Amino acid sequence: MKITPYFLSGIYLTLAARPDVVALIDAPRCEQDVGGRGGFLQDRRGTLFGDGAYARNRRVYSPGHWMHPGASSSAEDDLLKTLDSIAERHPNNPILLARGYLSALANTDLAGLASEWSERTGHRIATVSQGSLDDDWRDGAAAAQLALLSIYENDDAPLRPLITGWGPMRMEGDEIGNLIELQRLFALATGTDAGFLLDGQLNGAWHRPDAPHIVLGETDPENAIDSLQLPALPYGLGATDAFVRKLAEHRHEFSNDPATFDVSVWDRERQETQEQLLPLAIRQLAGRGAAVVADPARARGLTHALRELGLEVAQVYLLRRMDAVCPEADELSALGVQVLRDSDYYDARATLFEAAEDGAIEVIVGAGIFLDATREAGLAYVEEGFPCYLDHFIMPTPTMGTYGLLYLAERLDRALAQRAHRNRNQTRG
């Protein structure tokens, strides 16, 4: 069992960040169950699968689910009937049409079916394309975003920069806090606001095709042609400084009359953040061993942020399929980090236990995949990214930007202190 999430998981995460969109997944079977479990357990505010006895507010459907709950089919008649039912229930919401594993094997012509149905009904619909059955969750998220771009293009929309690539993975305080921090940093650097395709709050419903396009947290994605690419997510002071200065350098592309970038304000914020972090980093975090579990962009960002705080990152578990382009793996390996990519769960677990026994790892930061294993190994855990099972936030609690680094340091300190207390008491018992 691989630890890298499935293609459909990326679609679900994209949907979670666009609460005005509904989806029809053709022939999902077991993948529907995986998505449902992830939606219920890792996002307290998730709205994908609805609630209540009849789940009237659900946003993800499969063919025939009203008549035969849990059943699915790739028959086109069932698809058309289900699309008609969804349009009746959600008359003003665009629809994403995606295929499950069985639908891909059957090679159902979803694009042609969607085009004919849209011409007949006038309802907005887009099809999520899948290049290969080996595609994983990051491919799914990118494909779903491309589909959303086609739905939301409007020549009359406000002319403001559009940011794609990164999107919140939960409608909770940590991920929404990252969104708020990114918006703050963008405004600081450019003097204007940006629209996030995945904003989680309906703030950027439409975009102009000619608007400046920024791709955040991805390396040379297909939809990045003629756009500004910012592959390094702003984790830690170094990446955040580069993020702000790069945006400030391009601010004339985002506005005809951009505000002046006051570098002294930004330098003062960086200096104050360093001064706040230094005592904690020296006394509590320096020299502590860590592992990171995340997709490549987050893994690179978190690794650099942890190193800035004085931790020694020994291992990184990359949640990405083996044949995908992944320059982050080489970059992290060059830092002397053991990089494990698309690992089998039990092999990864064994590697993790070995590092814990050797004292190389005291805390894991990232996806909550190894929560059960870390209890046995006596490790601390700071959940970040997807999935996240135990840490849930109401108030904004980012991990990106300067504010995020402060929160991340606090969470690391608390997790390591709890680990020491738990292990000490277990030893006494």
Protein backbone atom coordinates (compact mmCIF):
# COMPACT_ATOMS: atom_id res chain seq x y z
CA MET A 1 0.00 0.00 0.00
CA LYS A 2 1.58 3.25 -1.18
CA ILE A 3 1.51 6.30 1.07
CA THR A 4 1.00 8.66 -1.90
CA PRO A 5 -2.69 9.68 -2.15
CA TYR A 6 -4.73 8.80 -5.24
CA PHE A 7 -5.63 10.95 -8.26
CA LEU A 8 -9.18 11.31 -6.98
CA SER A 9 -7.91 12.70 -3.66
CA GLY A 10 -6.47 15.69 -5.53
CA ILE A 11 -9.85 16.32 -7.14
CA TYR A 12 -11.57 16.18 -3.75
CA LEU A 13 -9.10 18.66 -2.26
CA THR A 14 -9.64 21.05 -5.16
CA LEU A 15 -13.40 20.76 -4.71
CA ALA A 16 -13.07 21.41 -0.98
CA ALA A 17 -11.51 24.79 -1.77
CA ARG A 18 -14.36 25.76 -4.15
CA PRO A 19 -17.60 25.38 -2.17
CA ASP A 20 -19.65 26.64 -5.11
CA VAL A 21 -18.74 23.63 -7.27
CA VAL A 22 -20.38 20.18 -7.32
CA ALA A 23 -18.92 17.04 -8.86
CA LEU A 24 -20.00 13.82 -10.48
CA ILE A 25 -17.47 10.97 -10.22
CA ASP A 26 -18.15 8.23 -12.75
CA ALA A 27 -17.75 4.66 -11.41
CA PRO A 28 -15.72 5.54 -8.30
CA ARG A 29 -16.37 2.41 -6.16
CA CYS A 30 -13.66 2.10 -3.52
CA GLU A 31 -12.20 5.54 -4.34
CA GLN A 32 -15.50 7.13 -3.32
CA ASP A 33 -15.13 5.53 0.09
CA VAL A 34 -11.53 6.74 0.38
CA GLY A 35 -12.60 10.26 -0.48
CA GLY A 36 -15.53 10.14 1.91
CA ARG A 37 -13.38 8.98 4.79
CA GLY A 38 -10.77 11.66 4.09
CA GLY A 39 -13.42 14.34 3.83
CA PHE A 40 -15.09 13.40 7.10
CA LEU A 41 -12.02 12.78 9.23
CA GLN A 42 -9.47 15.34 8.09
CA ASP A 43 -11.72 18.38 7.58
CA ARG A 44 -14.13 19.32 10.35
CA ARG A 45 -15.66 22.00 8.12
CA GLY A 46 -15.72 19.94 4.94
CA THR A 47 -18.85 20.12 2.79
CA LEU A 48 -18.13 17.51 0.13
CA PHE A 49 -20.36 14.71 1.29
CA GLY A 50 -23.06 16.59 3.17
CA ASP A 51 -24.62 15.84 6.52
CA GLY A 52 -27.96 14.81 7.94
CA ALA A 53 -30.11 11.81 7.11
CA TYR A 54 -30.51 12.70 3.42
CA ALA A 55 -27.30 14.74 2.91
CA ARG A 56 -29.22 17.33 0.93
CA ASN A 57 -26.16 19.60 0.95
CA ARG A 58 -23.70 17.08 -0.49
CA ARG A 59 -21.46 18.21 -3.35
CA VAL A 60 -20.01 14.90 -4.63
CA TYR A 61 -22.19 12.40 -6.48
CA SER A 62 -21.86 9.12 -8.33
CA PRO A 63 -24.24 7.69 -10.94
CA GLY A 64 -27.35 6.10 -9.48
CA HIS A 65 -26.42 6.81 -5.86
CA TRP A 66 -29.98 7.89 -5.00
CA MET A 67 -31.48 4.64 -6.22
CA HIS A 68 -28.72 2.29 -5.07
CA PRO A 69 -26.52 3.90 -2.40
CA GLY A 70 -22.89 2.93 -2.85
CA ALA A 71 -23.47 1.44 -6.31
CA SER A 72 -21.85 2.91 -9.37
CA SER A 73 -21.84 2.41 -13.12
CA SER A 74 -20.12 3.78 -16.19
CA ALA A 75 -23.26 3.51 -18.34
CA GLU A 76 -23.91 6.80 -20.14
CA ASP A 77 -27.65 6.67 -19.42
CA ASP A 78 -26.95 6.62 -15.70
CA LEU A 79 -24.52 9.51 -16.09
CA LEU A 80 -27.03 11.66 -17.97
CA LYS A 81 -29.81 10.92 -15.48
CA THR A 82 -27.53 11.79 -12.59
CA LEU A 83 -26.38 15.01 -14.27
CA ASP A 84 -30.03 16.02 -14.75
CA SER A 85 -30.72 15.34 -11.07
CA ILE A 86 -27.66 17.32 -9.94
CA ALA A 87 -28.59 20.27 -12.15
CA GLU A 88 -32.10 20.26 -10.67
CA ARG A 89 -30.72 20.24 -7.13
CA HIS A 90 -27.90 22.72 -7.85
CA PRO A 91 -29.21 24.97 -10.64
CA ASN A 92 -26.60 27.72 -10.13
CA ASN A 93 -23.53 25.61 -9.41
CA PRO A 94 -21.00 24.50 -12.04
CA ILE A 95 -20.30 20.77 -12.27
CA LEU A 96 -16.98 18.97 -12.51
CA LEU A 97 -17.21 15.59 -14.23
CA ALA A 98 -14.40 13.16 -13.40
CA ARG A 99 -13.80 9.47 -13.89
CA GLY A 100 -13.10 6.79 -11.33
CA TYR A 101 -10.80 3.84 -11.92
CA LEU A 102 -13.45 1.64 -13.55
CA SER A 103 -14.57 4.49 -15.79
CA ALA A 104 -10.99 4.93 -17.01
CA LEU A 105 -10.80 1.21 -17.83
CA ALA A 106 -14.11 1.44 -19.71
CA ASN A 107 -12.83 4.56 -21.55
CA THR A 108 -16.17 6.33 -21.30
CA ASP A 109 -16.27 9.48 -23.46
CA LEU A 110 -16.90 11.91 -20.60
CA ALA A 111 -15.82 15.01 -22.53
CA GLY A 112 -18.16 14.33 -25.43
CA LEU A 113 -21.02 13.46 -23.12
CA ALA A 114 -20.48 16.63 -21.06
CA SER A 115 -20.35 18.83 -24.15
CA GLU A 116 -23.62 17.43 -25.53
CA TRP A 117 -25.35 17.66 -22.14
CA SER A 118 -24.21 21.27 -21.64
CA GLU A 119 -25.52 22.27 -25.08
CA ARG A 120 -28.86 20.69 -24.24
CA THR A 121 -29.23 22.15 -20.74
CA GLY A 122 -27.10 25.33 -20.76
CA HIS A 123 -25.52 24.25 -17.45
CA ARG A 124 -21.84 24.97 -16.83
CA ILE A 125 -19.78 21.77 -16.78
CA ALA A 126 -16.14 20.82 -17.24
CA THR A 127 -14.40 17.46 -17.51
CA VAL A 128 -11.32 16.57 -15.49
CA SER A 129 -8.78 14.84 -17.74
CA GLN A 130 -6.53 12.05 -16.51
CA GLY A 131 -3.41 11.28 -18.50
CA SER A 132 -2.59 7.91 -16.96
CA LEU A 133 -3.93 5.44 -14.42
CA ASP A 134 -0.63 6.00 -12.56
CA ASP A 135 -1.37 9.71 -11.98
CA ASP A 136 -1.47 10.66 -8.29
CA TRP A 137 -3.14 13.33 -6.13
CA ARG A 138 -0.99 16.23 -7.35
CA ASP A 139 -1.88 15.33 -10.93
CA GLY A 140 -5.54 15.19 -9.89
CA ALA A 141 -5.38 18.62 -8.28
CA ALA A 142 -3.68 20.15 -11.34
CA ALA A 143 -6.21 18.57 -13.72
CA ALA A 144 -9.14 19.78 -11.61
CA GLN A 145 -7.72 23.32 -11.56
CA LEU A 146 -7.41 23.33 -15.36
CA ALA A 147 -11.06 22.33 -15.56
CA LEU A 148 -12.05 25.10 -13.14
CA LEU A 149 -10.13 27.67 -15.19
CA SER A 150 -12.32 26.87 -18.18
CA ILE A 151 -15.49 27.28 -16.09
CA TYR A 152 -14.61 30.61 -14.50
CA GLU A 153 -13.22 32.63 -17.42
CA ASN A 154 -15.20 35.85 -17.90
CA ASP A 155 -14.15 38.91 -19.91
CA ASP A 156 -16.10 41.19 -17.55
CA ALA A 157 -14.36 40.03 -14.35
CA PRO A 158 -12.12 42.48 -12.46
CA LEU A 159 -8.58 42.62 -13.86
CA ARG A 160 -6.51 41.31 -10.96
CA PRO A 161 -3.77 38.70 -10.72
CA LEU A 162 -4.90 35.09 -10.59
CA ILE A 163 -3.00 32.62 -8.41
CA THR A 164 -3.25 28.90 -9.16
CA GLY A 165 -1.25 25.89 -8.02
CA TRP A 166 -1.40 26.07 -4.24
CA GLY A 167 -4.77 25.82 -2.53
CA PRO A 168 -6.01 25.15 1.01
CA MET A 169 -6.43 21.46 1.83
CA ARG A 170 -9.02 22.09 4.56
CA MET A 171 -11.51 24.80 5.43
CA GLU A 172 -9.88 25.04 8.87
CA GLY A 173 -7.75 27.66 10.56
CA ASP A 174 -4.36 26.28 9.55
CA GLU A 175 -5.01 26.17 5.80
CA ILE A 176 -7.25 29.23 5.67
CA GLY A 177 -4.59 30.92 7.82
CA ASN A 178 -2.05 30.15 5.08
CA LEU A 179 -4.39 31.69 2.52
CA ILE A 180 -4.77 34.84 4.63
CA GLU A 181 -0.99 35.06 5.11
CA LEU A 182 -0.38 34.68 1.37
CA GLN A 183 -2.90 37.42 0.65
CA ARG A 184 -1.22 39.69 3.22
CA LEU A 185 2.25 39.12 1.77
CA PHE A 186 0.99 39.69 -1.79
CA ALA A 187 -0.58 43.00 -0.79
CA LEU A 188 2.57 44.03 1.08
CA ALA A 189 4.76 43.34 -1.95
CA THR A 190 2.53 44.67 -4.74
CA GLY A 191 0.05 47.07 -3.17
CA THR A 192 -2.84 45.21 -4.80
CA ASP A 193 -5.02 42.15 -4.15
CA ALA A 194 -4.85 38.80 -5.90
CA GLY A 195 -7.57 36.32 -6.67
CA PHE A 196 -6.90 32.72 -5.68
CA LEU A 197 -8.58 30.16 -7.91
CA LEU A 198 -8.84 27.98 -4.81
CA ASP A 199 -9.79 30.48 -2.14
CA GLY A 200 -12.22 28.41 -0.10
CA GLN A 201 -14.42 31.44 0.46
CA LEU A 202 -15.86 32.41 -2.95
CA ASN A 203 -13.72 35.54 -3.15
CA GLY A 204 -12.38 34.85 -6.63
CA ALA A 205 -15.29 33.27 -8.48
CA TRP A 206 -14.45 34.73 -11.91
CA HIS A 207 -11.24 35.69 -13.67
CA ARG A 208 -10.27 37.50 -16.84
CA PRO A 209 -8.42 35.39 -19.44
CA ASP A 210 -5.95 38.28 -19.90
CA ALA A 211 -5.26 38.71 -16.17
CA PRO A 212 -1.69 38.19 -14.90
CA HIS A 213 -1.30 34.54 -13.93
CA ILE A 214 0.88 33.34 -11.05
CA VAL A 215 1.55 29.65 -10.48
CA LEU A 216 2.48 28.99 -6.86
CA GLY A 217 4.14 25.88 -5.46
CA GLU A 218 4.60 23.93 -8.70
CA THR A 219 7.54 23.37 -11.01
CA ASP A 220 6.85 24.04 -14.69
CA PRO A 221 3.18 22.95 -14.70
CA GLU A 222 1.44 22.75 -18.06
CA ASN A 223 -0.77 25.74 -17.26
CA ALA A 224 2.20 28.01 -16.44
CA ILE A 225 2.92 29.20 -19.98
CA ASP A 226 3.48 32.98 -20.13
CA SER A 227 2.92 33.30 -16.40
CA LEU A 228 5.01 34.05 -13.34
CA GLN A 229 6.09 30.86 -11.59
CA LEU A 230 6.85 30.77 -7.87
CA PRO A 231 7.71 27.11 -7.21
CA ALA A 232 8.99 27.70 -3.66
CA LEU A 233 6.16 28.00 -1.16
CA PRO A 234 6.94 30.68 1.47
CA TYR A 235 7.84 28.42 4.40
CA GLY A 236 10.51 29.96 6.63
CA LEU A 237 12.13 33.38 6.45
CA GLY A 238 14.38 32.66 3.48
CA ALA A 239 11.64 31.46 1.14
CA THR A 240 9.22 34.14 2.38
CA ASP A 241 11.80 36.86 1.73
CA ALA A 242 12.37 35.56 -1.81
CA PHE A 243 8.59 35.32 -2.34
CA VAL A 244 7.97 38.93 -1.29
CA ARG A 245 10.90 40.37 -3.23
CA LYS A 246 10.00 38.43 -6.39
CA LEU A 247 6.43 39.74 -6.26
CA ALA A 248 7.67 43.28 -5.58
CA GLU A 249 9.98 43.01 -8.60
CA HIS A 250 6.97 42.17 -10.81
CA ARG A 251 4.45 44.54 -9.18
CA HIS A 252 4.22 46.67 -12.35
CA GLU A 253 2.72 43.64 -14.13
CA PHE A 254 -0.11 43.47 -11.60
CA SER A 255 -1.23 47.08 -11.64
CA ASN A 256 -0.93 50.12 -13.92
CA ASP A 257 -0.23 52.28 -10.88
CA PRO A 258 1.44 50.01 -8.30
CA ALA A 259 2.21 51.19 -4.82
CA THR A 260 5.84 51.68 -3.87
CA PHE A 261 7.33 48.66 -2.12
CA ASP A 262 8.69 49.91 1.21
CA VAL A 263 11.52 47.46 1.78
CA SER A 264 12.21 48.92 5.25
CA VAL A 265 8.79 47.75 6.47
CA TRP A 266 9.50 44.24 5.24
CA ASP A 267 13.05 44.19 6.66
CA ARG A 268 11.71 45.28 10.03
CA GLU A 269 9.12 42.46 10.03
CA ARG A 270 11.82 39.90 9.22
CA GLN A 271 14.10 41.24 11.95
CA GLU A 272 11.34 41.19 14.56
CA THR A 273 10.44 37.63 13.62
CA GLN A 274 14.06 36.52 14.00
CA GLU A 275 14.30 38.17 17.41
CA GLN A 276 11.13 36.44 18.60
CA LEU A 277 12.27 33.03 17.40
CA LEU A 278 15.90 33.03 18.47
CA PRO A 279 15.50 32.17 22.20
CA LEU A 280 13.08 29.31 21.49
CA ALA A 281 15.19 27.95 18.65
CA ILE A 282 18.37 27.95 20.74
CA ARG A 283 16.87 26.51 23.93
CA GLN A 284 14.28 24.04 22.67
CA LEU A 285 14.62 23.22 18.97
CA ALA A 286 18.28 23.34 17.95
CA GLY A 287 19.75 19.93 17.18
CA ARG A 288 16.46 18.02 17.39
CA GLY A 289 15.98 15.40 14.70
CA ALA A 290 12.99 15.62 12.36
CA ALA A 291 11.26 13.91 9.44
CA VAL A 292 8.93 15.54 6.92
CA VAL A 293 5.96 13.88 5.17
CA ALA A 294 4.45 15.96 2.36
CA ASP A 295 4.06 16.59 -1.36
CA PRO A 296 7.28 17.90 -2.98
CA ALA A 297 6.53 21.64 -2.72
CA ARG A 298 5.53 21.47 0.95
CA ALA A 299 8.34 19.06 1.75
CA ARG A 300 10.96 21.43 0.37
CA GLY A 301 9.40 24.39 2.20
CA LEU A 302 9.01 22.62 5.52
CA THR A 303 12.54 21.20 5.36
CA HIS A 304 14.08 24.65 4.91
CA ALA A 305 11.83 26.14 7.61
CA LEU A 306 12.80 23.44 10.12
CA ARG A 307 16.48 23.92 9.35
CA GLU A 308 16.09 27.65 9.96
CA LEU A 309 14.66 26.83 13.40
CA GLY A 310 17.74 24.72 14.16
CA LEU A 311 16.26 21.25 13.65
CA GLU A 312 18.17 18.57 11.74
CA VAL A 313 15.95 17.04 9.07
CA ALA A 314 17.05 13.43 8.63
CA GLN A 315 14.29 12.04 6.40
CA VAL A 316 11.70 13.29 3.91
CA TYR A 317 8.84 11.11 2.71
CA LEU A 318 7.69 12.55 -0.61
CA LEU A 319 4.04 11.90 -1.49
CA ARG A 320 4.60 11.76 -5.24
CA ARG A 321 4.60 8.98 -7.83
CA MET A 322 8.02 7.73 -8.87
CA ASP A 323 7.88 8.71 -12.56
CA ALA A 324 6.79 12.32 -11.99
CA VAL A 325 9.23 15.18 -12.58
CA CYS A 326 10.44 16.09 -9.09
CA PRO A 327 13.46 18.41 -8.82
CA GLU A 328 12.69 18.82 -5.12
CA ALA A 329 13.93 15.28 -4.51
CA ASP A 330 17.38 16.10 -5.87
CA GLU A 331 17.48 19.41 -3.99
CA LEU A 332 16.66 17.73 -0.68
CA SER A 333 19.12 14.90 -1.29
CA ALA A 334 21.84 17.49 -1.88
CA LEU A 335 21.19 18.76 1.66
CA GLY A 336 22.13 15.34 3.04
CA VAL A 337 18.52 14.33 3.70
CA GLN A 338 17.38 10.75 3.14
CA VAL A 339 14.56 11.08 0.59
CA LEU A 340 11.97 8.31 0.29
CA ARG A 341 9.56 8.72 -2.60
CA ASP A 342 6.21 7.01 -3.16
CA SER A 343 7.06 4.51 -0.44
CA ASP A 344 5.09 1.46 0.58
CA TYR A 345 3.54 2.18 3.98
CA TYR A 346 5.10 -0.74 5.82
CA ASP A 347 8.55 -0.18 4.29
CA ALA A 348 8.35 3.50 5.25
CA ARG A 349 7.18 2.58 8.73
CA ALA A 350 10.16 0.25 9.22
CA THR A 351 12.57 2.96 8.02
CA LEU A 352 10.95 5.44 10.40
CA PHE A 353 11.29 3.07 13.37
CA GLU A 354 14.94 2.45 12.58
CA ALA A 355 15.68 6.18 12.52
CA ALA A 356 13.77 6.67 15.79
CA GLU A 357 15.73 3.89 17.50
CA ASP A 358 18.98 5.46 16.33
CA GLY A 359 17.91 8.84 17.77
CA ALA A 360 17.96 10.55 14.36
CA ILE A 361 14.29 11.55 14.58
CA GLU A 362 12.30 13.02 17.47
CA VAL A 363 9.44 14.71 15.62
CA ILE A 364 7.54 14.24 12.36
CA VAL A 365 6.10 17.26 10.55
CA GLY A 366 3.55 16.94 7.77
CA ALA A 367 0.76 14.60 6.69
CA GLY A 368 -0.75 12.51 9.46
CA ILE A 369 -0.07 9.21 7.72
CA PHE A 370 2.21 7.83 10.44
CA LEU A 371 0.23 8.90 13.51
CA ASP A 372 -0.35 5.34 14.72
CA ALA A 373 3.24 4.31 14.12
CA THR A 374 4.68 7.26 16.01
CA ARG A 375 2.88 6.29 19.20
CA GLU A 376 4.84 3.04 19.18
CA ALA A 377 8.07 4.79 18.29
CA GLY A 378 7.60 7.48 20.96
CA LEU A 379 7.87 10.36 18.48
CA ALA A 380 6.27 13.80 18.48
CA TYR A 381 4.00 14.80 15.59
CA VAL A 382 3.02 18.16 14.08
CA GLU A 383 0.33 17.65 11.45
CA GLU A 384 0.50 19.90 8.39
CA GLY A 385 -0.95 19.44 4.92
CA PHE A 386 -3.07 16.43 3.87
CA PRO A 387 -4.33 14.39 5.60
CA CYS A 388 -4.63 15.90 9.07
CA TYR A 389 -6.56 13.89 11.67
CA LEU A 390 -5.90 15.22 15.18
CA ASP A 391 -4.97 18.90 14.85
CA HIS A 392 -7.95 21.09 13.95
CA PHE A 393 -8.03 24.88 14.20
CA ILE A 394 -10.79 27.46 14.23
CA MET A 395 -8.70 30.62 14.39
CA PRO A 396 -6.11 31.36 11.65
CA THR A 397 -2.98 29.37 12.47
CA PRO A 398 -0.75 29.43 9.38
CA THR A 399 2.53 27.64 8.77
CA MET A 400 3.62 29.85 5.83
CA GLY A 401 5.11 33.32 5.93
CA THR A 402 6.53 35.08 8.97
CA TYR A 403 3.40 34.53 11.06
CA GLY A 404 3.41 30.89 10.03
CA LEU A 405 6.99 30.32 11.13
CA LEU A 406 6.11 31.66 14.59
CA TYR A 407 3.13 29.32 14.86
CA LEU A 408 5.17 26.39 13.54
CA ALA A 409 7.86 26.99 16.19
CA GLU A 410 5.20 27.08 18.93
CA ARG A 411 3.65 23.82 17.74
CA LEU A 412 7.05 22.11 17.52
CA ASP A 413 7.96 23.21 21.04
CA ARG A 414 4.66 21.94 22.42
CA ALA A 415 4.83 18.62 20.58
CA LEU A 416 8.40 17.93 21.73
CA ALA A 417 7.54 18.88 25.32
CA GLN A 418 4.54 16.53 25.26
CA ARG A 419 6.75 13.76 23.88
CA ALA A 420 9.28 14.21 26.67
CA HIS A 421 6.53 14.22 29.31
CA ARG A 422 4.84 11.12 27.85
CA ASN A 423 8.06 9.14 27.48
CA ARG A 424 9.24 10.07 30.96
CA ASN A 425 5.99 8.94 32.56
CA GLN A 426 5.95 5.70 30.55
CA THR A 427 9.46 4.95 31.77
CA ARG A 428 8.41 5.51 35.38
CA GLY A 429 5.37 3.26 34.93
